[in-house]
Structure formats: structure tokens, C-alpha cells
Protein backbone atom coordinates (compact mmCIF):
# COMPACT_ATOMS: atom_id res chain seq x y z
CA MET A 1 9.93 -110.24 9.73
CA LYS A 2 12.74 -110.17 7.24
CA ILE A 3 13.33 -106.82 5.39
CA THR A 4 14.14 -107.37 1.74
CA SER A 5 16.76 -105.32 -0.16
CA SER A 6 14.14 -103.60 -2.35
CA MET A 7 12.14 -102.45 0.66
CA LYS A 8 15.29 -101.07 2.20
CA ASP A 9 16.16 -99.18 -1.00
CA LYS A 10 12.67 -97.67 -1.17
CA LYS A 11 12.93 -96.51 2.43
CA GLU A 12 16.32 -94.92 1.80
CA ASN A 13 15.02 -93.21 -1.36
CA ARG A 14 12.08 -91.80 0.55
CA TYR A 15 14.36 -90.42 3.24
CA TYR A 16 16.64 -88.92 0.57
CA ARG A 17 13.78 -87.24 -1.30
CA GLY A 18 12.47 -85.81 1.97
CA TRP A 19 15.89 -84.44 2.81
CA VAL A 20 16.23 -82.87 -0.65
CA ILE A 21 12.75 -81.29 -0.46
CA ASN A 22 13.49 -79.85 2.98
CA ALA A 23 16.79 -78.50 1.68
CA TRP A 24 15.01 -76.82 -1.24
CA ARG A 25 12.41 -75.34 1.10
CA LYS A 26 15.12 -73.99 3.37
CA GLU A 27 16.96 -72.55 0.36
CA ASP A 28 13.76 -70.85 -0.85
CA ALA A 29 13.13 -69.44 2.62
CA ASP A 30 16.68 -68.14 2.81
CA ALA A 31 16.35 -66.56 -0.64
CA GLN A 32 13.11 -64.84 0.38
CA LEU A 33 14.74 -63.56 3.57
CA ILE A 34 17.72 -62.23 1.63
CA GLN A 35 15.42 -60.48 -0.86
CA LEU A 36 13.43 -58.96 2.01
CA GLN A 37 16.65 -57.67 3.57
CA LYS A 38 17.68 -56.17 0.21
CA ASN A 39 14.32 -54.41 -0.09
CA VAL A 40 14.63 -53.02 3.45
CA MET A 41 18.15 -51.78 2.72
CA ILE A 42 17.00 -50.06 -0.49
CA LEU A 43 14.10 -48.44 1.39
CA LEU A 44 16.42 -47.23 4.17
CA PHE A 45 18.81 -45.84 1.56
CA ILE A 46 16.00 -43.87 -0.10
CA VAL A 47 14.80 -42.53 3.27
CA CYS A 48 18.35 -41.47 4.21
CA LEU A 49 18.80 -39.83 0.80
CA VAL A 50 15.57 -37.84 1.16
CA CYS A 51 16.49 -36.79 4.70
CA SER A 52 19.97 -35.73 3.54
CA VAL A 53 18.56 -33.63 0.70
CA GLY A 54 16.07 -32.01 3.07
CA TRP A 55 18.78 -31.29 5.62
CA ILE A 56 21.12 -29.79 2.98
CA THR A 57 18.44 -27.59 1.38
CA SER A 58 16.63 -26.54 4.58
CA PRO A 59 18.63 -23.29 5.02
CA SER A 60 17.36 -22.06 1.64
CA ARG A 61 13.77 -22.34 2.92
CA LEU A 62 14.34 -20.43 6.13
CA THR A 63 13.51 -16.74 6.43
CA ILE A 64 15.53 -14.75 8.95
CA TYR A 65 14.85 -11.03 9.32
CA VAL A 66 17.88 -9.10 10.53
CA PRO A 67 17.12 -5.84 12.36
CA PRO A 68 18.76 -2.71 10.91
CA ASP A 69 20.91 -2.08 13.96
CA ILE A 70 22.94 -5.05 15.21
CA GLN A 71 25.75 -3.00 16.73
CA ASN A 72 24.99 -4.48 20.14
CA GLY A 73 24.16 -7.91 18.76
CA ALA A 74 20.78 -9.48 18.16
CA THR A 75 19.05 -12.75 18.94
CA MET A 76 16.21 -13.46 16.54
CA LYS A 77 13.86 -16.38 16.17
CA ILE A 78 13.33 -17.71 12.67
CA GLY A 79 10.33 -15.97 11.09
CA THR A 80 10.24 -13.10 13.59
CA VAL A 81 9.88 -9.79 11.74
CA PRO A 82 11.57 -6.82 13.49
CA ALA A 83 9.41 -3.73 13.84
CA PRO A 84 11.96 -1.46 12.07
CA LEU A 85 11.86 -3.71 9.02
CA ILE A 86 8.05 -3.61 8.94
CA TYR A 87 8.16 0.18 9.12
CA SER A 88 10.81 0.36 6.40
CA PHE A 89 8.80 -1.94 4.13
CA ALA A 90 5.59 0.09 4.53
CA TYR A 91 7.43 3.39 4.11
CA GLU A 92 9.28 2.44 0.94
CA ALA A 93 6.38 0.62 -0.71
CA TRP A 94 3.86 3.38 0.00
CA GLN A 95 6.26 6.12 -1.08
CA GLU A 96 6.92 4.38 -4.40
CA MET A 97 3.21 3.78 -4.93
CA ASN A 98 2.63 7.54 -4.73
CA TYR A 99 5.51 8.60 -6.94
CA TRP A 100 4.15 10.13 -10.16
CA PRO A 101 7.15 11.71 -11.88
CA VAL A 102 5.47 12.33 -15.25
CA ASP A 103 1.70 12.04 -15.08
CA GLY A 104 -0.58 10.41 -12.53
CA GLU A 105 -2.87 8.92 -15.16
CA ASN A 106 -0.06 6.68 -16.37
CA ASP A 107 2.26 6.52 -13.35
CA TYR A 108 -0.35 5.62 -10.72
CA LYS A 109 -1.75 2.69 -12.73
CA LYS A 110 1.78 1.50 -13.53
CA ASN A 111 2.75 1.64 -9.86
CA ILE A 112 -0.26 -0.45 -8.85
CA ASP A 113 0.63 -3.08 -11.44
CA ASN A 114 4.31 -3.09 -10.49
CA TYR A 115 3.61 -3.46 -6.77
CA ILE A 116 0.99 -6.21 -6.96
CA PRO A 117 3.21 -8.64 -4.94
CA TYR A 118 3.28 -6.06 -2.11
CA LEU A 119 -0.51 -5.58 -2.01
CA THR A 120 -3.31 -7.85 -0.94
CA PRO A 121 -5.86 -8.56 -3.71
CA ARG A 122 -8.53 -6.61 -1.83
CA PHE A 123 -6.38 -3.51 -1.38
CA LYS A 124 -5.30 -3.68 -5.00
CA SER A 125 -8.99 -3.57 -6.00
CA GLU A 126 -9.54 -0.57 -3.73
CA LEU A 127 -6.61 1.29 -5.29
CA LEU A 128 -7.85 0.54 -8.79
CA GLN A 129 -11.25 1.87 -7.79
CA GLU A 130 -9.61 5.03 -6.43
CA TYR A 131 -7.65 5.33 -9.68
CA SER A 132 -10.87 5.21 -11.71
CA GLU A 133 -12.51 7.85 -9.50
CA LEU A 134 -9.51 10.19 -9.66
CA LYS A 135 -9.30 9.75 -13.41
CA SER A 136 -13.00 10.55 -13.85
CA SER A 137 -12.68 13.70 -11.74
CA GLY A 138 -9.54 14.88 -13.57
CA GLN A 139 -7.25 14.64 -10.53
CA LEU A 140 -4.55 12.53 -12.17
CA GLN A 141 -3.19 15.07 -14.64
CA ARG A 142 -0.41 16.05 -12.25
CA ILE A 143 2.83 14.85 -10.73
CA ARG A 144 3.10 13.73 -7.12
CA TYR A 145 5.81 13.28 -4.51
CA LEU A 146 5.46 11.63 -1.12
CA GLN A 147 8.24 12.04 1.44
CA GLY A 148 8.80 11.58 5.14
CA LEU A 149 8.55 14.64 7.31
CA SER A 150 11.75 16.59 7.77
CA GLY A 151 13.58 15.38 10.86
CA ALA A 152 11.20 12.46 11.36
CA ALA A 153 12.65 9.00 11.93
CA TYR A 154 11.53 5.54 12.95
CA ASP A 155 9.79 5.37 16.29
CA ALA A 156 8.75 2.13 17.96
CA ALA A 157 5.35 3.69 18.65
CA ASN A 158 4.74 3.87 14.89
CA VAL A 159 4.45 0.09 14.61
CA LYS A 160 1.70 -1.65 16.57
CA GLN A 161 1.43 -5.44 16.51
CA LEU A 162 -2.22 -6.46 16.19
CA SER A 163 -1.64 -10.21 15.96
CA SER A 164 1.21 -12.60 15.20
CA ASN A 165 0.98 -11.77 11.49
CA THR A 166 -0.67 -8.31 11.43
CA TRP A 167 0.66 -4.84 12.21
CA GLU A 168 -0.47 -1.23 12.03
CA VAL A 169 2.16 1.16 10.69
CA ASP A 170 1.58 4.89 11.10
CA LEU A 171 3.45 6.87 8.46
CA ALA A 172 3.75 10.64 8.91
CA MET A 173 4.50 11.98 5.44
CA ARG A 174 4.31 15.09 3.31
CA LEU A 175 2.36 14.94 0.04
CA THR A 176 3.00 17.48 -2.69
CA GLU A 177 1.37 17.66 -6.12
CA TYR A 178 2.12 19.86 -9.14
CA LYS A 179 0.11 20.69 -12.22
CA ASN A 180 1.60 22.70 -15.08
CA ASN A 181 4.67 23.21 -12.88
CA GLN A 182 2.52 24.89 -10.21
CA PRO A 183 1.94 23.39 -6.75
CA VAL A 184 -1.71 22.45 -6.27
CA LYS A 185 -1.44 20.45 -3.04
CA ASP A 186 1.01 20.45 -0.16
CA VAL A 187 -0.12 18.67 3.00
CA GLU A 188 1.15 16.57 5.87
CA ILE A 189 -0.76 13.30 6.33
CA ILE A 190 -0.64 10.34 8.67
CA TYR A 191 -1.29 7.08 6.83
CA PRO A 192 -2.34 4.25 9.20
CA LEU A 193 -1.43 1.27 7.01
CA LYS A 194 -2.31 -2.32 7.78
CA VAL A 195 0.58 -4.69 7.04
CA ILE A 196 0.26 -8.48 7.05
CA ARG A 197 2.56 -11.42 6.58
CA THR A 198 1.89 -13.22 3.31
CA ASN A 199 3.10 -16.36 1.60
CA VAL A 200 4.29 -15.31 -1.82
CA SER A 201 7.26 -16.05 -4.01
CA PRO A 202 10.45 -14.72 -2.35
CA ARG A 203 11.63 -13.74 -5.82
CA ASN A 204 8.69 -11.33 -6.23
CA ASN A 205 8.43 -10.26 -2.60
CA PRO A 206 11.53 -10.91 -0.48
CA TYR A 207 9.93 -9.23 2.55
CA GLY A 208 7.09 -11.72 2.86
CA LEU A 209 4.88 -8.75 3.78
CA ALA A 210 1.98 -6.99 2.06
CA ILE A 211 -0.05 -3.82 2.58
CA ALA A 212 -3.67 -4.79 3.27
CA GLY A 213 -5.21 -1.32 3.37
CA PHE A 214 -5.87 1.43 5.91
CA MET A 215 -6.72 0.81 9.54
CA SER A 216 -8.67 4.09 9.38
CA GLU A 217 -8.94 7.06 7.08
CA PRO A 218 -5.63 8.94 6.57
CA GLN A 219 -5.57 12.09 8.72
CA ARG A 220 -4.38 15.43 7.37
CA THR A 221 -2.34 17.13 10.13
CA MET A 222 -1.09 20.21 8.27
CA THR A 223 -2.18 22.03 5.10
CA TYR A 224 0.19 24.35 3.27
CA ILE A 225 -1.69 24.56 -0.02
């Protein structure tokens, strides 16, 4: 059978169109692959950026408690609270709570408000209830001082760990009160305070600790007045 020139041209045109279409398809596939690679690169860049920011800022989110005495060196795990620091926190916070330099009716309420970050909500409510009772009975019209016993110092036995985030701190202190410049109370008391770890703003409470109340009723060990 003899192939005419027109038939040959049609066959060549068909082959050419098929080649062009395949070339376009391959070009589209390559373009899609390149776009996918670009998207993956952008995603990896974002992930690396986030990881870098987290790595750079991670030290600012770590809490490391340094014990008071590091003369002989110290190895501490992140988040481990040394017992001396727990004792110091409870001592200072409780002493300031019971400092009424002018008048208990104003000073005690002000202290409770000022030390809210260092108190659990429940213990704050208990102190406010005590404030109301003392005010009703007329026992706030006086000044008060609370100090550690003379010669007393930190003792490891004063801090008992109850759980990973709870401690009992026994504070032996001397409480003195004056009314009209006359002493009306002078006693030595042991305060068994319950201290817990709490998640609060480091700006308001850099210790990360709070007083949660009494483990038992405070015990009077000596009465002078």
C-alpha cells in the first residue's frame, strides 16, 4: 500500500503534538515538585527558627535554687529546693506577716494583702477569718513583733519533707505585743508551718513557694507575760 504525502504529514503532526503534550506534562510535574520542595524548605526553616528561639530562651524559664552555703561546692538538680532556703522563706514571710509596727487593726490586714502571692488561697481565707475574730474581740489595738529565739539557728531537723512539693517547717520564735507602750504578751511559740511549691508569677513570688497553713496548732513553749 502506498503512503501518500498527506498521510505522512498527519502522522508526523500527531507524533509532534504527543511529544509537546508529554513535554508540558513533564514541565508541570517538575514545577509541582519544585514547589513542594520550596514548601518543605520553608516548613523546615520555621521549625528550626522555633527550636532556636526555644533553645535561646530556655535558661530564662529554668529555676535553680542555690543553697546558702556553697563554700564546699554544690551539685543541684534543676527545680530542687534546698531545705535551708525553704526554712528561710517560711521564717521571713511569717515574721513579716506578724510585724505590726503601728497598729494591728491596720498592719495585720495590710500584711495579708501584701503577702497574697506567698499564701495559698485557703490559708489567706483562714488569716482573714482570724483577723475578723481578733478585731471583734479588741485584740488588734496593739503592736506586735515576732523574732527568732536568741541563739537559735537553722537546723536540718526543722524542715521535714512530706512529699516532693510539700514540707513542714518548725519555727521556734518569740512573740511580743505592746499596748499603750506596755507589754501585754511575751511568749515563745513553735509554729509548724506547711510550705508547698506553687506555680505563680516569678515577678510576684521569686521563691515559687507558699505557706499553706499549720500542720498542727502552734505550741507555746514559754510564757513570760
